[in-house]
Amino acid sequence: MEKMVGYCGIICSDCPVLTATQKNDDAERRRVAEVFTKQYGREYKPEDINCDGCVSDSQRVFSYCNVCEIRKCGREKNVVNCASCGDYPCEKLSKLFAEYSKAKETLDEIRREYGII
């Protein structure tokens, strides 16, 4: 699978939800649902484990993606991801970066590749 970077810099193609979806693997969906239920303290069912990536035009995205403010903003601004946004980094991203610095590293790398920084 080709590398897919979400609006926020999280690498969607590394996500077990996307992997289970792309493989159409129900056993993996069950496993991921169990892991996420324990990890996030919210019940996930195998049918919740379906996603084509937050940057896709598909209606099939993981539940959080439907309420993600970063995704909503990126779609409204019609950017490939937040690395190409003129407001980078914004407050929404700063909150994510505080918890997940790898996303910032990914977006900064993209900005360097395109000569933005």
C-alpha atoms as a PDB file:
ATOM      1  CA  MET A   1       0.000   0.000   0.000  1.00  0.00           C
ATOM      2  CA  GLU A   2       1.225   3.462  -0.873  1.00  0.00           C
ATOM      3  CA  LYS A   3       2.028   5.779   2.042  1.00  0.00           C
ATOM      4  CA  MET A   4      -1.024   7.873   2.983  1.00  0.00           C
ATOM      5  CA  VAL A   5      -0.584  10.887   5.270  1.00  0.00           C
ATOM      6  CA  GLY A   6      -3.626  12.307   7.047  1.00  0.00           C
ATOM      7  CA  TYR A   7      -4.317  16.018   7.226  1.00  0.00           C
ATOM      8  CA  CYS A   8      -2.722  16.129  10.680  1.00  0.00           C
ATOM      9  CA  GLY A   9       0.452  14.275   9.763  1.00  0.00           C
ATOM     10  CA  ILE A  10      -0.509  10.896  11.194  1.00  0.00           C
ATOM     11  CA  ILE A  11       0.379   8.232   8.668  1.00  0.00           C
ATOM     12  CA  CYS A  12      -2.964   6.613   7.817  1.00  0.00           C
ATOM     13  CA  SER A  13      -1.310   3.767   5.949  1.00  0.00           C
ATOM     14  CA  ASP A  14       0.310   2.638   9.240  1.00  0.00           C
ATOM     15  CA  CYS A  15      -3.070   2.512  10.992  1.00  0.00           C
ATOM     16  CA  PRO A  16      -4.398  -0.969  11.807  1.00  0.00           C
ATOM     17  CA  VAL A  17      -7.940   0.185  10.976  1.00  0.00           C
ATOM     18  CA  LEU A  18      -6.955   1.102   7.418  1.00  0.00           C
ATOM     19  CA  THR A  19      -4.916  -2.091   7.062  1.00  0.00           C
ATOM     20  CA  ALA A  20      -7.812  -4.306   8.201  1.00  0.00           C
ATOM     21  CA  THR A  21     -10.131  -2.466   5.820  1.00  0.00           C
ATOM     22  CA  GLN A  22      -7.821  -2.743   2.823  1.00  0.00           C
ATOM     23  CA  LYS A  23      -7.324  -6.468   3.468  1.00  0.00           C
ATOM     24  CA  ASN A  24     -11.034  -6.944   4.227  1.00  0.00           C
ATOM     25  CA  ASP A  25      -9.874  -9.023   7.207  1.00  0.00           C
ATOM     26  CA  ASP A  26     -12.640  -9.654   9.735  1.00  0.00           C
ATOM     27  CA  ALA A  27     -10.322 -11.404  12.187  1.00  0.00           C
ATOM     28  CA  GLU A  28      -8.068  -8.330  12.183  1.00  0.00           C
ATOM     29  CA  ARG A  29     -11.111  -6.074  12.640  1.00  0.00           C
ATOM     30  CA  ARG A  30     -12.053  -8.058  15.762  1.00  0.00           C
ATOM     31  CA  ARG A  31      -8.495  -7.853  17.097  1.00  0.00           C
ATOM     32  CA  VAL A  32      -8.217  -4.105  16.479  1.00  0.00           C
ATOM     33  CA  ALA A  33     -11.649  -3.513  18.039  1.00  0.00           C
ATOM     34  CA  GLU A  34     -10.516  -5.329  21.199  1.00  0.00           C
ATOM     35  CA  VAL A  35      -7.229  -3.431  21.362  1.00  0.00           C
ATOM     36  CA  PHE A  36      -8.895  -0.036  20.798  1.00  0.00           C
ATOM     37  CA  THR A  37     -11.604  -0.797  23.378  1.00  0.00           C
ATOM     38  CA  LYS A  38      -8.910  -1.448  25.996  1.00  0.00           C
ATOM     39  CA  GLN A  39      -6.664   1.393  24.862  1.00  0.00           C
ATOM     40  CA  TYR A  40      -9.275   4.136  24.541  1.00  0.00           C
ATOM     41  CA  GLY A  41     -11.804   3.063  27.184  1.00  0.00           C
ATOM     42  CA  ARG A  42     -14.689   3.074  24.724  1.00  0.00           C
ATOM     43  CA  GLU A  43     -16.340   0.043  23.176  1.00  0.00           C
ATOM     44  CA  TYR A  44     -15.440  -0.617  19.564  1.00  0.00           C
ATOM     45  CA  LYS A  45     -17.043  -3.358  17.524  1.00  0.00           C
ATOM     46  CA  PRO A  46     -15.519  -5.075  14.486  1.00  0.00           C
ATOM     47  CA  GLU A  47     -17.941  -3.197  12.229  1.00  0.00           C
ATOM     48  CA  ASP A  48     -16.434   0.077  13.549  1.00  0.00           C
ATOM     49  CA  ILE A  49     -13.070  -0.928  12.108  1.00  0.00           C
ATOM     50  CA  ASN A  50     -13.545   0.351   8.569  1.00  0.00           C
ATOM     51  CA  CYS A  51     -11.664   3.264   7.063  1.00  0.00           C
ATOM     52  CA  ASP A  52     -10.262   4.274   3.700  1.00  0.00           C
ATOM     53  CA  GLY A  53      -8.152   7.071   5.218  1.00  0.00           C
ATOM     54  CA  CYS A  54      -9.175  10.530   6.368  1.00  0.00           C
ATOM     55  CA  VAL A  55      -7.969  12.186   3.162  1.00  0.00           C
ATOM     56  CA  SER A  56     -10.017   9.886   0.940  1.00  0.00           C
ATOM     57  CA  ASP A  57     -13.339  10.940  -0.553  1.00  0.00           C
ATOM     58  CA  SER A  58     -14.875   7.757   0.810  1.00  0.00           C
ATOM     59  CA  GLN A  59     -17.699   7.893   3.334  1.00  0.00           C
ATOM     60  CA  ARG A  60     -16.004   4.937   5.034  1.00  0.00           C
ATOM     61  CA  VAL A  61     -13.805   6.559   7.671  1.00  0.00           C
ATOM     62  CA  PHE A  62     -13.071   5.621  11.273  1.00  0.00           C
ATOM     63  CA  SER A  63     -15.576   7.070  13.735  1.00  0.00           C
ATOM     64  CA  TYR A  64     -13.231   9.721  15.135  1.00  0.00           C
ATOM     65  CA  CYS A  65     -12.477  11.022  11.652  1.00  0.00           C
ATOM     66  CA  ASN A  66     -16.104  12.106  11.330  1.00  0.00           C
ATOM     67  CA  VAL A  67     -15.692  14.546  14.236  1.00  0.00           C
ATOM     68  CA  CYS A  68     -12.022  15.471  13.814  1.00  0.00           C
ATOM     69  CA  GLU A  69     -11.654  19.260  13.664  1.00  0.00           C
ATOM     70  CA  ILE A  70      -8.320  18.997  11.841  1.00  0.00           C
ATOM     71  CA  ARG A  71      -9.843  16.847   9.103  1.00  0.00           C
ATOM     72  CA  LYS A  72     -12.846  19.151   8.824  1.00  0.00           C
ATOM     73  CA  CYS A  73     -10.586  22.193   8.468  1.00  0.00           C
ATOM     74  CA  GLY A  74      -8.309  20.513   5.904  1.00  0.00           C
ATOM     75  CA  ARG A  75     -11.285  19.500   3.786  1.00  0.00           C
ATOM     76  CA  GLU A  76     -12.771  23.022   3.994  1.00  0.00           C
ATOM     77  CA  LYS A  77      -9.445  24.562   2.940  1.00  0.00           C
ATOM     78  CA  ASN A  78      -9.014  21.925   0.238  1.00  0.00           C
ATOM     79  CA  VAL A  79      -5.403  21.140   1.177  1.00  0.00           C
ATOM     80  CA  VAL A  80      -3.645  17.822   0.631  1.00  0.00           C
ATOM     81  CA  ASN A  81      -2.639  17.944   4.292  1.00  0.00           C
ATOM     82  CA  CYS A  82      -1.858  20.615   6.845  1.00  0.00           C
ATOM     83  CA  ALA A  83       1.746  20.950   5.651  1.00  0.00           C
ATOM     84  CA  SER A  84       0.503  23.016   2.720  1.00  0.00           C
ATOM     85  CA  CYS A  85      -1.772  25.268   4.775  1.00  0.00           C
ATOM     86  CA  GLY A  86      -0.847  28.930   5.157  1.00  0.00           C
ATOM     87  CA  ASP A  87      -1.917  28.791   8.811  1.00  0.00           C
ATOM     88  CA  TYR A  88       0.501  25.974   9.674  1.00  0.00           C
ATOM     89  CA  PRO A  89       0.896  25.244  12.542  1.00  0.00           C
ATOM     90  CA  CYS A  90      -2.436  26.209  14.011  1.00  0.00           C
ATOM     91  CA  GLU A  91      -3.838  25.774  17.508  1.00  0.00           C
ATOM     92  CA  LYS A  92      -5.640  22.544  16.566  1.00  0.00           C
ATOM     93  CA  LEU A  93      -2.385  21.016  15.363  1.00  0.00           C
ATOM     94  CA  SER A  94      -0.424  22.284  18.352  1.00  0.00           C
ATOM     95  CA  LYS A  95      -2.725  20.332  20.673  1.00  0.00           C
ATOM     96  CA  LEU A  96      -2.149  17.156  18.651  1.00  0.00           C
ATOM     97  CA  PHE A  97       1.605  17.735  18.435  1.00  0.00           C
ATOM     98  CA  ALA A  98       1.815  17.987  22.234  1.00  0.00           C
ATOM     99  CA  GLU A  99       0.571  14.391  22.415  1.00  0.00           C
ATOM    100  CA  TYR A 100       1.928  13.008  19.154  1.00  0.00           C
ATOM    101  CA  SER A 101       5.153  14.667  18.032  1.00  0.00           C
ATOM    102  CA  LYS A 102       5.624  12.213  15.132  1.00  0.00           C
ATOM    103  CA  ALA A 103       2.772  13.971  13.290  1.00  0.00           C
ATOM    104  CA  LYS A 104       4.681  17.276  13.458  1.00  0.00           C
ATOM    105  CA  GLU A 105       7.855  15.579  12.223  1.00  0.00           C
ATOM    106  CA  THR A 106       5.941  14.159   9.261  1.00  0.00           C
ATOM    107  CA  LEU A 107       4.369  17.498   8.294  1.00  0.00           C
ATOM    108  CA  ASP A 108       7.654  19.373   8.756  1.00  0.00           C
ATOM    109  CA  GLU A 109       9.366  16.826   6.496  1.00  0.00           C
ATOM    110  CA  ILE A 110       6.702  17.362   3.821  1.00  0.00           C
ATOM    111  CA  ARG A 111       7.160  21.138   4.107  1.00  0.00           C
ATOM    112  CA  ARG A 112      10.929  20.732   3.631  1.00  0.00           C
ATOM    113  CA  GLU A 113      10.404  18.474   0.603  1.00  0.00           C
ATOM    114  CA  TYR A 114       8.204  21.114  -1.042  1.00  0.00           C
ATOM    115  CA  GLY A 115      10.522  23.970  -0.064  1.00  0.00           C
ATOM    116  CA  ILE A 116       7.956  25.602   2.216  1.00  0.00           C
ATOM    117  CA  ILE A 117      10.453  25.815   5.084  1.00  0.00           C
END
